[in-house]
Amino acid sequence: MAPLISKECGVDMSKKRFHIIGCEDIDGFEAVALGEKVDTVKVEPGMVKLAKECLVRFPLARAFLFECTELPPYSDAVRQACGLPVFDAITNCDFFMMSFRDNDRFGMNDW
C-alpha cells in the first residue's frame, strides 16, 4: 500500500509517523476477502483489541485512519476504547465536504 499511497496522495509512508496495520487476522474479518457479509458483532472486539495493541506498540500515536470502507462500523468502538480520533471513510468525506460549505455561524450572510 505504501507505494500506492505515495503515488496517489503524495504522502511519504516511509516516515516513522505512519504505520500500516492490517486487519486480515481478526477473527471474522476474512469475510471481506471472501466477498461475504461481515458479522460486525463478532469482529468488533478483535478490532478494538488490535487498536489497543497498536497503541502499546506505537505509544506516540495520536489518531487512527481507517482506510478500508469496511471499517466504519468499528470506528465508534475504537474511539471509545482508545480515546483517540478515528478517521474513516464517512468522517473523511464529511470533513472534505464541510471544507466547501459556508459556515452557518460565521458565513458570508452574517458578516
PDB file of N, CA and C in Angstrom:
ATOM      1  N   MET A   1       0.810  -1.210   0.000  1.00  0.00           N
ATOM      2  CA  MET A   1       0.000   0.000   0.000  1.00  0.00           C
ATOM      3  C   MET A   1       0.854   1.275   0.000  1.00  0.00           C
ATOM      4  N   ALA A   2       2.045   1.223   0.611  1.00  0.00           N
ATOM      5  CA  ALA A   2       2.853   2.435   0.746  1.00  0.00           C
ATOM      6  C   ALA A   2       3.162   3.098  -0.596  1.00  0.00           C
ATOM      7  N   PRO A   3       3.612   2.341  -1.619  1.00  0.00           N
ATOM      8  CA  PRO A   3       3.877   2.997  -2.909  1.00  0.00           C
ATOM      9  C   PRO A   3       2.622   3.616  -3.524  1.00  0.00           C
ATOM     10  N   LEU A   4       1.487   2.943  -3.391  1.00  0.00           N
ATOM     11  CA  LEU A   4       0.236   3.468  -3.941  1.00  0.00           C
ATOM     12  C   LEU A   4      -0.177   4.756  -3.231  1.00  0.00           C
ATOM     13  N   ILE A   5      -0.096   4.764  -1.913  1.00  0.00           N
ATOM     14  CA  ILE A   5      -0.456   5.955  -1.143  1.00  0.00           C
ATOM     15  C   ILE A   5       0.480   7.113  -1.495  1.00  0.00           C
ATOM     16  N   SER A   6       1.749   6.810  -1.646  1.00  0.00           N
ATOM     17  CA  SER A   6       2.713   7.837  -2.018  1.00  0.00           C
ATOM     18  C   SER A   6       2.388   8.418  -3.385  1.00  0.00           C
ATOM     19  N   LYS A   7       2.086   7.547  -4.343  1.00  0.00           N
ATOM     20  CA  LYS A   7       1.792   7.986  -5.709  1.00  0.00           C
ATOM     21  C   LYS A   7       0.477   8.762  -5.785  1.00  0.00           C
ATOM     22  N   GLU A   8      -0.578   8.217  -5.200  1.00  0.00           N
ATOM     23  CA  GLU A   8      -1.911   8.796  -5.335  1.00  0.00           C
ATOM     24  C   GLU A   8      -2.162   9.989  -4.419  1.00  0.00           C
ATOM     25  N   CYS A   9      -1.533   9.991  -3.239  1.00  0.00           N
ATOM     26  CA  CYS A   9      -1.835  11.021  -2.247  1.00  0.00           C
ATOM     27  C   CYS A   9      -0.668  11.952  -1.950  1.00  0.00           C
ATOM     28  N   GLY A  10       0.518  11.589  -2.419  1.00  0.00           N
ATOM     29  CA  GLY A  10       1.680  12.419  -2.141  1.00  0.00           C
ATOM     30  C   GLY A  10       2.134  12.367  -0.696  1.00  0.00           C
ATOM     31  N   VAL A  11       1.827  11.270  -0.018  1.00  0.00           N
ATOM     32  CA  VAL A  11       2.214  11.096   1.383  1.00  0.00           C
ATOM     33  C   VAL A  11       3.335  10.069   1.446  1.00  0.00           C
ATOM     34  N   ASP A  12       4.444  10.449   2.046  1.00  0.00           N
ATOM     35  CA  ASP A  12       5.591   9.552   2.155  1.00  0.00           C
ATOM     36  C   ASP A  12       5.375   8.602   3.328  1.00  0.00           C
ATOM     37  N   MET A  13       4.960   7.393   3.010  1.00  0.00           N
ATOM     38  CA  MET A  13       4.647   6.411   4.052  1.00  0.00           C
ATOM     39  C   MET A  13       5.890   5.821   4.710  1.00  0.00           C
ATOM     40  N   SER A  14       7.073   6.166   4.227  1.00  0.00           N
ATOM     41  CA  SER A  14       8.284   5.657   4.859  1.00  0.00           C
ATOM     42  C   SER A  14       8.623   6.424   6.137  1.00  0.00           C
ATOM     43  N   LYS A  15       7.923   7.511   6.379  1.00  0.00           N
ATOM     44  CA  LYS A  15       8.147   8.271   7.605  1.00  0.00           C
ATOM     45  C   LYS A  15       7.755   7.429   8.818  1.00  0.00           C
ATOM     46  N   LYS A  16       8.485   7.591   9.904  1.00  0.00           N
ATOM     47  CA  LYS A  16       8.230   6.805  11.107  1.00  0.00           C
ATOM     48  C   LYS A  16       6.868   7.084  11.735  1.00  0.00           C
ATOM     49  N   ARG A  17       6.235   8.192  11.365  1.00  0.00           N
ATOM     50  CA  ARG A  17       4.963   8.541  11.995  1.00  0.00           C
ATOM     51  C   ARG A  17       3.780   7.790  11.422  1.00  0.00           C
ATOM     52  N   PHE A  18       3.975   7.080  10.310  1.00  0.00           N
ATOM     53  CA  PHE A  18       2.898   6.321   9.695  1.00  0.00           C
ATOM     54  C   PHE A  18       3.124   4.825   9.899  1.00  0.00           C
ATOM     55  N   HIS A  19       2.071   4.123  10.264  1.00  0.00           N
ATOM     56  CA  HIS A  19       2.147   2.679  10.449  1.00  0.00           C
ATOM     57  C   HIS A  19       0.929   2.046   9.793  1.00  0.00           C
ATOM     58  N   ILE A  20       1.162   1.155   8.859  1.00  0.00           N
ATOM     59  CA  ILE A  20       0.066   0.458   8.203  1.00  0.00           C
ATOM     60  C   ILE A  20      -0.135  -0.866   8.921  1.00  0.00           C
ATOM     61  N   ILE A  21      -1.329  -1.072   9.422  1.00  0.00           N
ATOM     62  CA  ILE A  21      -1.656  -2.278  10.179  1.00  0.00           C
ATOM     63  C   ILE A  21      -2.820  -2.972   9.477  1.00  0.00           C
ATOM     64  N   GLY A  22      -2.650  -4.233   9.172  1.00  0.00           N
ATOM     65  CA  GLY A  22      -3.709  -4.990   8.514  1.00  0.00           C
ATOM     66  C   GLY A  22      -4.691  -5.584   9.506  1.00  0.00           C
ATOM     67  N   CYS A  23      -5.899  -5.798   9.035  1.00  0.00           N
ATOM     68  CA  CYS A  23      -6.963  -6.364   9.871  1.00  0.00           C
ATOM     69  C   CYS A  23      -7.292  -7.796   9.467  1.00  0.00           C
ATOM     70  N   GLU A  24      -6.553  -8.334   8.519  1.00  0.00           N
ATOM     71  CA  GLU A  24      -6.896  -9.643   7.957  1.00  0.00           C
ATOM     72  C   GLU A  24      -6.852 -10.786   8.967  1.00  0.00           C
ATOM     73  N   ASP A  25      -6.146 -10.603  10.067  1.00  0.00           N
ATOM     74  CA  ASP A  25      -6.047 -11.678  11.060  1.00  0.00           C
ATOM     75  C   ASP A  25      -7.125 -11.610  12.143  1.00  0.00           C
ATOM     76  N   ILE A  26      -7.981 -10.612  12.086  1.00  0.00           N
ATOM     77  CA  ILE A  26      -9.063 -10.502  13.069  1.00  0.00           C
ATOM     78  C   ILE A  26     -10.112 -11.557  12.741  1.00  0.00           C
ATOM     79  N   ASP A  27     -10.481 -12.321  13.742  1.00  0.00           N
ATOM     80  CA  ASP A  27     -11.461 -13.397  13.565  1.00  0.00           C
ATOM     81  C   ASP A  27     -12.768 -12.854  13.006  1.00  0.00           C
ATOM     82  N   GLY A  28     -13.186 -13.372  11.880  1.00  0.00           N
ATOM     83  CA  GLY A  28     -14.425 -12.963  11.238  1.00  0.00           C
ATOM     84  C   GLY A  28     -14.233 -11.964  10.113  1.00  0.00           C
ATOM     85  N   PHE A  29     -13.094 -11.257  10.103  1.00  0.00           N
ATOM     86  CA  PHE A  29     -12.862 -10.227   9.091  1.00  0.00           C
ATOM     87  C   PHE A  29     -12.494 -10.829   7.733  1.00  0.00           C
ATOM     88  N   GLU A  30     -12.167 -12.102   7.713  1.00  0.00           N
ATOM     89  CA  GLU A  30     -11.841 -12.763   6.443  1.00  0.00           C
ATOM     90  C   GLU A  30     -13.027 -12.764   5.485  1.00  0.00           C
ATOM     91  N   ALA A  31     -14.214 -12.529   6.010  1.00  0.00           N
ATOM     92  CA  ALA A  31     -15.406 -12.455   5.159  1.00  0.00           C
ATOM     93  C   ALA A  31     -15.270 -11.346   4.112  1.00  0.00           C
ATOM     94  N   VAL A  32     -14.518 -10.292   4.427  1.00  0.00           N
ATOM     95  CA  VAL A  32     -14.300  -9.212   3.461  1.00  0.00           C
ATOM     96  C   VAL A  32     -13.620  -9.758   2.214  1.00  0.00           C
ATOM     97  N   ALA A  33     -12.532 -10.499   2.408  1.00  0.00           N
ATOM     98  CA  ALA A  33     -11.780 -11.053   1.278  1.00  0.00           C
ATOM     99  C   ALA A  33     -12.605 -12.077   0.509  1.00  0.00           C
ATOM    100  N   LEU A  34     -13.521 -12.737   1.196  1.00  0.00           N
ATOM    101  CA  LEU A  34     -14.359 -13.753   0.556  1.00  0.00           C
ATOM    102  C   LEU A  34     -15.598 -13.156  -0.097  1.00  0.00           C
ATOM    103  N   GLY A  35     -15.787 -11.844   0.067  1.00  0.00           N
ATOM    104  CA  GLY A  35     -16.953 -11.180  -0.504  1.00  0.00           C
ATOM    105  C   GLY A  35     -18.244 -11.502   0.215  1.00  0.00           C
ATOM    106  N   GLU A  36     -18.130 -11.903   1.463  1.00  0.00           N
ATOM    107  CA  GLU A  36     -19.299 -12.271   2.252  1.00  0.00           C
ATOM    108  C   GLU A  36     -19.667 -11.157   3.226  1.00  0.00           C
ATOM    109  N   LYS A  37     -20.828 -11.270   3.822  1.00  0.00           N
ATOM    110  CA  LYS A  37     -21.270 -10.310   4.836  1.00  0.00           C
ATOM    111  C   LYS A  37     -20.456 -10.523   6.111  1.00  0.00           C
ATOM    112  N   VAL A  38     -19.951  -9.429   6.641  1.00  0.00           N
ATOM    113  CA  VAL A  38     -19.147  -9.486   7.862  1.00  0.00           C
ATOM    114  C   VAL A  38     -20.059  -9.404   9.078  1.00  0.00           C
ATOM    115  N   ASP A  39     -19.836 -10.284  10.043  1.00  0.00           N
ATOM    116  CA  ASP A  39     -20.562 -10.245  11.313  1.00  0.00           C
ATOM    117  C   ASP A  39     -19.861  -9.209  12.199  1.00  0.00           C
ATOM    118  N   THR A  40     -20.347  -7.965  12.181  1.00  0.00           N
ATOM    119  CA  THR A  40     -19.673  -6.878  12.886  1.00  0.00           C
ATOM    120  C   THR A  40     -19.635  -7.083  14.399  1.00  0.00           C
ATOM    121  N   VAL A  41     -20.625  -7.755  14.933  1.00  0.00           N
ATOM    122  CA  VAL A  41     -20.646  -8.024  16.381  1.00  0.00           C
ATOM    123  C   VAL A  41     -19.488  -8.959  16.746  1.00  0.00           C
ATOM    124  N   LYS A  42     -19.199  -9.907  15.875  1.00  0.00           N
ATOM    125  CA  LYS A  42     -18.101 -10.847  16.107  1.00  0.00           C
ATOM    126  C   LYS A  42     -16.740 -10.176  15.911  1.00  0.00           C
ATOM    127  N   VAL A  43     -16.637  -9.265  14.938  1.00  0.00           N
ATOM    128  CA  VAL A  43     -15.359  -8.646  14.592  1.00  0.00           C
ATOM    129  C   VAL A  43     -14.986  -7.496  15.532  1.00  0.00           C
ATOM    130  N   GLU A  44     -15.975  -6.779  16.045  1.00  0.00           N
ATOM    131  CA  GLU A  44     -15.699  -5.584  16.842  1.00  0.00           C
ATOM    132  C   GLU A  44     -14.709  -5.790  17.991  1.00  0.00           C
ATOM    133  N   PRO A  45     -14.838  -6.826  18.818  1.00  0.00           N
ATOM    134  CA  PRO A  45     -13.854  -6.994  19.898  1.00  0.00           C
ATOM    135  C   PRO A  45     -12.422  -7.161  19.381  1.00  0.00           C
ATOM    136  N   GLY A  46     -12.275  -7.853  18.272  1.00  0.00           N
ATOM    137  CA  GLY A  46     -10.944  -8.022  17.687  1.00  0.00           C
ATOM    138  C   GLY A  46     -10.382  -6.725  17.150  1.00  0.00           C
ATOM    139  N   MET A  47     -11.251  -5.889  16.598  1.00  0.00           N
ATOM    140  CA  MET A  47     -10.815  -4.592  16.075  1.00  0.00           C
ATOM    141  C   MET A  47     -10.355  -3.690  17.219  1.00  0.00           C
ATOM    142  N   VAL A  48     -11.101  -3.688  18.314  1.00  0.00           N
ATOM    143  CA  VAL A  48     -10.725  -2.891  19.487  1.00  0.00           C
ATOM    144  C   VAL A  48      -9.421  -3.410  20.074  1.00  0.00           C
ATOM    145  N   LYS A  49      -9.287  -4.716  20.162  1.00  0.00           N
ATOM    146  CA  LYS A  49      -8.057  -5.321  20.687  1.00  0.00           C
ATOM    147  C   LYS A  49      -6.862  -4.921  19.832  1.00  0.00           C
ATOM    148  N   LEU A  50      -7.013  -4.978  18.521  1.00  0.00           N
ATOM    149  CA  LEU A  50      -5.924  -4.599  17.620  1.00  0.00           C
ATOM    150  C   LEU A  50      -5.555  -3.133  17.806  1.00  0.00           C
ATOM    151  N   ALA A  51      -6.540  -2.262  17.930  1.00  0.00           N
ATOM    152  CA  ALA A  51      -6.272  -0.835  18.134  1.00  0.00           C
ATOM    153  C   ALA A  51      -5.494  -0.609  19.433  1.00  0.00           C
ATOM    154  N   LYS A  52      -5.905  -1.287  20.490  1.00  0.00           N
ATOM    155  CA  LYS A  52      -5.191  -1.145  21.771  1.00  0.00           C
ATOM    156  C   LYS A  52      -3.768  -1.679  21.677  1.00  0.00           C
ATOM    157  N   GLU A  53      -3.577  -2.780  20.961  1.00  0.00           N
ATOM    158  CA  GLU A  53      -2.238  -3.325  20.757  1.00  0.00           C
ATOM    159  C   GLU A  53      -1.368  -2.341  19.977  1.00  0.00           C
ATOM    160  N   CYS A  54      -1.968  -1.665  19.021  1.00  0.00           N
ATOM    161  CA  CYS A  54      -1.227  -0.659  18.248  1.00  0.00           C
ATOM    162  C   CYS A  54      -0.754   0.477  19.148  1.00  0.00           C
ATOM    163  N   LEU A  55      -1.576   0.874  20.092  1.00  0.00           N
ATOM    164  CA  LEU A  55      -1.182   1.947  21.000  1.00  0.00           C
ATOM    165  C   LEU A  55      -0.054   1.523  21.929  1.00  0.00           C
ATOM    166  N   VAL A  56       0.013   0.240  22.244  1.00  0.00           N
ATOM    167  CA  VAL A  56       1.134  -0.263  23.042  1.00  0.00           C
ATOM    168  C   VAL A  56       2.411  -0.252  22.193  1.00  0.00           C
ATOM    169  N   ARG A  57       2.287  -0.705  20.956  1.00  0.00           N
ATOM    170  CA  ARG A  57       3.445  -0.741  20.041  1.00  0.00           C
ATOM    171  C   ARG A  57       3.889   0.653  19.624  1.00  0.00           C
ATOM    172  N   PHE A  58       2.928   1.570  19.460  1.00  0.00           N
ATOM    173  CA  PHE A  58       3.214   2.918  18.976  1.00  0.00           C
ATOM    174  C   PHE A  58       2.592   3.943  19.930  1.00  0.00           C
ATOM    175  N   PRO A  59       3.199   4.136  21.098  1.00  0.00           N
ATOM    176  CA  PRO A  59       2.582   4.974  22.128  1.00  0.00           C
ATOM    177  C   PRO A  59       2.450   6.449  21.747  1.00  0.00           C
ATOM    178  N   LEU A  60       3.137   6.897  20.719  1.00  0.00           N
ATOM    179  CA  LEU A  60       3.021   8.297  20.296  1.00  0.00           C
ATOM    180  C   LEU A  60       1.900   8.501  19.286  1.00  0.00           C
ATOM    181  N   ALA A  61       1.163   7.447  18.964  1.00  0.00           N
ATOM    182  CA  ALA A  61       0.050   7.567  18.012  1.00  0.00           C
ATOM    183  C   ALA A  61      -0.968   8.565  18.532  1.00  0.00           C
ATOM    184  N   ARG A  62      -1.498   9.372  17.637  1.00  0.00           N
ATOM    185  CA  ARG A  62      -2.460  10.401  18.022  1.00  0.00           C
ATOM    186  C   ARG A  62      -3.797  10.263  17.318  1.00  0.00           C
ATOM    187  N   ALA A  63      -3.920   9.300  16.380  1.00  0.00           N
ATOM    188  CA  ALA A  63      -5.177   9.086  15.668  1.00  0.00           C
ATOM    189  C   ALA A  63      -5.092   7.785  14.882  1.00  0.00           C
ATOM    190  N   PHE A  64      -6.264   7.300  14.496  1.00  0.00           N
ATOM    191  CA  PHE A  64      -6.356   6.144  13.610  1.00  0.00           C
ATOM    192  C   PHE A  64      -6.975   6.610  12.296  1.00  0.00           C
ATOM    193  N   LEU A  65      -6.448   6.120  11.206  1.00  0.00           N
ATOM    194  CA  LEU A  65      -7.023   6.377   9.890  1.00  0.00           C
ATOM    195  C   LEU A  65      -7.450   5.030   9.328  1.00  0.00           C
ATOM    196  N   PHE A  66      -8.751   4.821   9.246  1.00  0.00           N
ATOM    197  CA  PHE A  66      -9.297   3.565   8.726  1.00  0.00           C
ATOM    198  C   PHE A  66      -9.472   3.704   7.226  1.00  0.00           C
ATOM    199  N   GLU A  67      -8.625   3.054   6.467  1.00  0.00           N
ATOM    200  CA  GLU A  67      -8.606   3.197   5.017  1.00  0.00           C
ATOM    201  C   GLU A  67      -9.725   2.437   4.333  1.00  0.00           C
ATOM    202  N   CYS A  68     -10.035   1.262   4.802  1.00  0.00           N
ATOM    203  CA  CYS A  68     -10.997   0.370   4.145  1.00  0.00           C
ATOM    204  C   CYS A  68     -12.435   0.815   4.412  1.00  0.00           C
ATOM    205  N   THR A  69     -13.274   0.722   3.379  1.00  0.00           N
ATOM    206  CA  THR A  69     -14.679   1.102   3.551  1.00  0.00           C
ATOM    207  C   THR A  69     -15.454   0.087   4.383  1.00  0.00           C
ATOM    208  N   GLU A  70     -14.824  -1.006   4.750  1.00  0.00           N
ATOM    209  CA  GLU A  70     -15.453  -1.998   5.630  1.00  0.00           C
ATOM    210  C   GLU A  70     -15.268  -1.653   7.106  1.00  0.00           C
ATOM    211  N   LEU A  71     -14.503  -0.616   7.404  1.00  0.00           N
ATOM    212  CA  LEU A  71     -14.136  -0.331   8.794  1.00  0.00           C
ATOM    213  C   LEU A  71     -15.009   0.664   9.561  1.00  0.00           C
ATOM    214  N   PRO A  72     -15.806   1.520   8.927  1.00  0.00           N
ATOM    215  CA  PRO A  72     -16.608   2.466   9.715  1.00  0.00           C
ATOM    216  C   PRO A  72     -17.495   1.854  10.801  1.00  0.00           C
ATOM    217  N   PRO A  73     -17.995   0.625  10.663  1.00  0.00           N
ATOM    218  CA  PRO A  73     -18.809   0.086  11.763  1.00  0.00           C
ATOM    219  C   PRO A  73     -18.057  -0.064  13.092  1.00  0.00           C
ATOM    220  N   TYR A  74     -16.735  -0.005  13.056  1.00  0.00           N
ATOM    221  CA  TYR A  74     -15.937  -0.200  14.269  1.00  0.00           C
ATOM    222  C   TYR A  74     -15.369   1.106  14.822  1.00  0.00           C
ATOM    223  N   SER A  75     -15.558   2.193  14.111  1.00  0.00           N
ATOM    224  CA  SER A  75     -14.955   3.471  14.496  1.00  0.00           C
ATOM    225  C   SER A  75     -15.373   3.928  15.885  1.00  0.00           C
ATOM    226  N   ASP A  76     -16.660   3.894  16.172  1.00  0.00           N
ATOM    227  CA  ASP A  76     -17.130   4.355  17.488  1.00  0.00           C
ATOM    228  C   ASP A  76     -16.558   3.513  18.619  1.00  0.00           C
ATOM    229  N   ALA A  77     -16.481   2.201  18.423  1.00  0.00           N
ATOM    230  CA  ALA A  77     -15.950   1.321  19.474  1.00  0.00           C
ATOM    231  C   ALA A  77     -14.471   1.619  19.719  1.00  0.00           C
ATOM    232  N   VAL A  78     -13.711   1.861  18.653  1.00  0.00           N
ATOM    233  CA  VAL A  78     -12.285   2.178  18.805  1.00  0.00           C
ATOM    234  C   VAL A  78     -12.111   3.551  19.447  1.00  0.00           C
ATOM    235  N   ARG A  79     -12.932   4.516  19.052  1.00  0.00           N
ATOM    236  CA  ARG A  79     -12.873   5.846  19.689  1.00  0.00           C
ATOM    237  C   ARG A  79     -13.105   5.738  21.189  1.00  0.00           C
ATOM    238  N   GLN A  80     -14.146   4.994  21.561  1.00  0.00           N
ATOM    239  CA  GLN A  80     -14.488   4.863  22.972  1.00  0.00           C
ATOM    240  C   GLN A  80     -13.396   4.130  23.739  1.00  0.00           C
ATOM    241  N   ALA A  81     -12.874   3.057  23.167  1.00  0.00           N
ATOM    242  CA  ALA A  81     -11.887   2.238  23.867  1.00  0.00           C
ATOM    243  C   ALA A  81     -10.516   2.905  23.972  1.00  0.00           C
ATOM    244  N   CYS A  82     -10.163   3.699  22.971  1.00  0.00           N
ATOM    245  CA  CYS A  82      -8.805   4.251  22.917  1.00  0.00           C
ATOM    246  C   CYS A  82      -8.728   5.741  23.221  1.00  0.00           C
ATOM    247  N   GLY A  83      -9.851   6.438  23.128  1.00  0.00           N
ATOM    248  CA  GLY A  83      -9.849   7.862  23.421  1.00  0.00           C
ATOM    249  C   GLY A  83      -9.122   8.712  22.393  1.00  0.00           C
ATOM    250  N   LEU A  84      -8.998   8.203  21.175  1.00  0.00           N
ATOM    251  CA  LEU A  84      -8.333   8.945  20.101  1.00  0.00           C
ATOM    252  C   LEU A  84      -9.285   9.149  18.932  1.00  0.00           C
ATOM    253  N   PRO A  85      -9.001  10.150  18.101  1.00  0.00           N
ATOM    254  CA  PRO A  85      -9.824  10.333  16.907  1.00  0.00           C
ATOM    255  C   PRO A  85      -9.660   9.152  15.949  1.00  0.00           C
ATOM    256  N   VAL A  86     -10.745   8.801  15.289  1.00  0.00           N
ATOM    257  CA  VAL A  86     -10.729   7.772  14.258  1.00  0.00           C
ATOM    258  C   VAL A  86     -11.301   8.401  12.993  1.00  0.00           C
ATOM    259  N   PHE A  87     -10.491   8.434  11.961  1.00  0.00           N
ATOM    260  CA  PHE A  87     -10.917   8.968  10.674  1.00  0.00           C
ATOM    261  C   PHE A  87     -11.197   7.795   9.755  1.00  0.00           C
ATOM    262  N   ASP A  88     -12.452   7.654   9.338  1.00  0.00           N
ATOM    263  CA  ASP A  88     -12.834   6.566   8.440  1.00  0.00           C
ATOM    264  C   ASP A  88     -13.411   7.162   7.164  1.00  0.00           C
ATOM    265  N   ALA A  89     -13.918   6.328   6.288  1.00  0.00           N
ATOM    266  CA  ALA A  89     -14.439   6.801   5.007  1.00  0.00           C
ATOM    267  C   ALA A  89     -15.548   7.833   5.195  1.00  0.00           C
ATOM    268  N   ILE A  90     -16.377   7.656   6.193  1.00  0.00           N
ATOM    269  CA  ILE A  90     -17.501   8.570   6.414  1.00  0.00           C
ATOM    270  C   ILE A  90     -17.024   9.896   6.997  1.00  0.00           C
ATOM    271  N   THR A  91     -16.219   9.854   8.043  1.00  0.00           N
ATOM    272  CA  THR A  91     -15.779  11.105   8.660  1.00  0.00           C
ATOM    273  C   THR A  91     -14.853  11.874   7.720  1.00  0.00           C
ATOM    274  N   ASN A  92     -14.053  11.175   6.916  1.00  0.00           N
ATOM    275  CA  ASN A  92     -13.199  11.874   5.957  1.00  0.00           C
ATOM    276  C   ASN A  92     -14.019  12.545   4.862  1.00  0.00           C
ATOM    277  N   CYS A  93     -15.071  11.893   4.386  1.00  0.00           N
ATOM    278  CA  CYS A  93     -15.948  12.523   3.392  1.00  0.00           C
ATOM    279  C   CYS A  93     -16.654  13.728   3.991  1.00  0.00           C
ATOM    280  N   ASP A  94     -17.138  13.602   5.222  1.00  0.00           N
ATOM    281  CA  ASP A  94     -17.778  14.730   5.898  1.00  0.00           C
ATOM    282  C   ASP A  94     -16.803  15.903   6.033  1.00  0.00           C
ATOM    283  N   PHE A  95     -15.580  15.590   6.444  1.00  0.00           N
ATOM    284  CA  PHE A  95     -14.546  16.614   6.617  1.00  0.00           C
ATOM    285  C   PHE A  95     -14.286  17.338   5.295  1.00  0.00           C
ATOM    286  N   PHE A  96     -14.161  16.584   4.224  1.00  0.00           N
ATOM    287  CA  PHE A  96     -13.913  17.153   2.902  1.00  0.00           C
ATOM    288  C   PHE A  96     -15.081  18.037   2.463  1.00  0.00           C
ATOM    289  N   MET A  97     -16.294  17.532   2.589  1.00  0.00           N
ATOM    290  CA  MET A  97     -17.471  18.289   2.148  1.00  0.00           C
ATOM    291  C   MET A  97     -17.676  19.555   2.979  1.00  0.00           C
ATOM    292  N   MET A  98     -17.447  19.469   4.280  1.00  0.00           N
ATOM    293  CA  MET A  98     -17.626  20.641   5.139  1.00  0.00           C
ATOM    294  C   MET A  98     -16.612  21.737   4.810  1.00  0.00           C
ATOM    295  N   SER A  99     -15.490  21.368   4.232  1.00  0.00           N
ATOM    296  CA  SER A  99     -14.489  22.376   3.886  1.00  0.00           C
ATOM    297  C   SER A  99     -14.957  23.250   2.728  1.00  0.00           C
ATOM    298  N   PHE A 100     -16.006  22.851   2.025  1.00  0.00           N
ATOM    299  CA  PHE A 100     -16.558  23.630   0.924  1.00  0.00           C
ATOM    300  C   PHE A 100     -17.786  24.443   1.325  1.00  0.00           C
ATOM    301  N   ARG A 101     -18.372  24.127   2.462  1.00  0.00           N
ATOM    302  CA  ARG A 101     -19.620  24.780   2.869  1.00  0.00           C
ATOM    303  C   ARG A 101     -19.348  26.085   3.593  1.00  0.00           C
ATOM    304  N   ASP A 102     -20.269  26.988   3.439  1.00  0.00           N
ATOM    305  CA  ASP A 102     -20.235  28.236   4.173  1.00  0.00           C
ATOM    306  C   ASP A 102     -20.602  27.919   5.621  1.00  0.00           C
ATOM    307  N   ASN A 103     -19.812  28.380   6.566  1.00  0.00           N
ATOM    308  CA  ASN A 103     -20.073  28.130   7.973  1.00  0.00           C
ATOM    309  C   ASN A 103     -21.361  28.845   8.379  1.00  0.00           C
ATOM    310  N   ASP A 104     -22.314  28.100   8.914  1.00  0.00           N
ATOM    311  CA  ASP A 104     -23.614  28.663   9.296  1.00  0.00           C
ATOM    312  C   ASP A 104     -23.498  29.792  10.319  1.00  0.00           C
ATOM    313  N   ARG A 105     -22.526  29.708  11.213  1.00  0.00           N
ATOM    314  CA  ARG A 105     -22.389  30.722  12.257  1.00  0.00           C
ATOM    315  C   ARG A 105     -21.576  31.937  11.820  1.00  0.00           C
ATOM    316  N   PHE A 106     -20.635  31.721  10.895  1.00  0.00           N
ATOM    317  CA  PHE A 106     -19.739  32.807  10.532  1.00  0.00           C
ATOM    318  C   PHE A 106     -19.683  33.029   9.027  1.00  0.00           C
ATOM    319  N   GLY A 107     -20.676  32.537   8.313  1.00  0.00           N
ATOM    320  CA  GLY A 107     -20.656  32.603   6.860  1.00  0.00           C
ATOM    321  C   GLY A 107     -20.859  33.985   6.300  1.00  0.00           C
ATOM    322  N   MET A 108     -20.814  34.054   5.001  1.00  0.00           N
ATOM    323  CA  MET A 108     -20.916  35.314   4.271  1.00  0.00           C
ATOM    324  C   MET A 108     -22.198  36.073   4.621  1.00  0.00           C
ATOM    325  N   ASN A 109     -23.295  35.358   4.864  1.00  0.00           N
ATOM    326  CA  ASN A 109     -24.569  36.017   5.117  1.00  0.00           C
ATOM    327  C   ASN A 109     -24.588  36.817   6.411  1.00  0.00           C
ATOM    328  N   ASP A 110     -23.780  36.434   7.382  1.00  0.00           N
ATOM    329  CA  ASP A 110     -23.825  37.072   8.694  1.00  0.00           C
ATOM    330  C   ASP A 110     -22.660  38.020   8.951  1.00  0.00           C
ATOM    331  N   TRP A 111     -21.907  38.373   7.938  1.00  0.00           N
ATOM    332  CA  TRP A 111     -20.790  39.281   8.142  1.00  0.00           C
ATOM    333  C   TRP A 111     -21.356  40.615   8.350  1.00  0.00           C
TER     334      TRP A 111
END
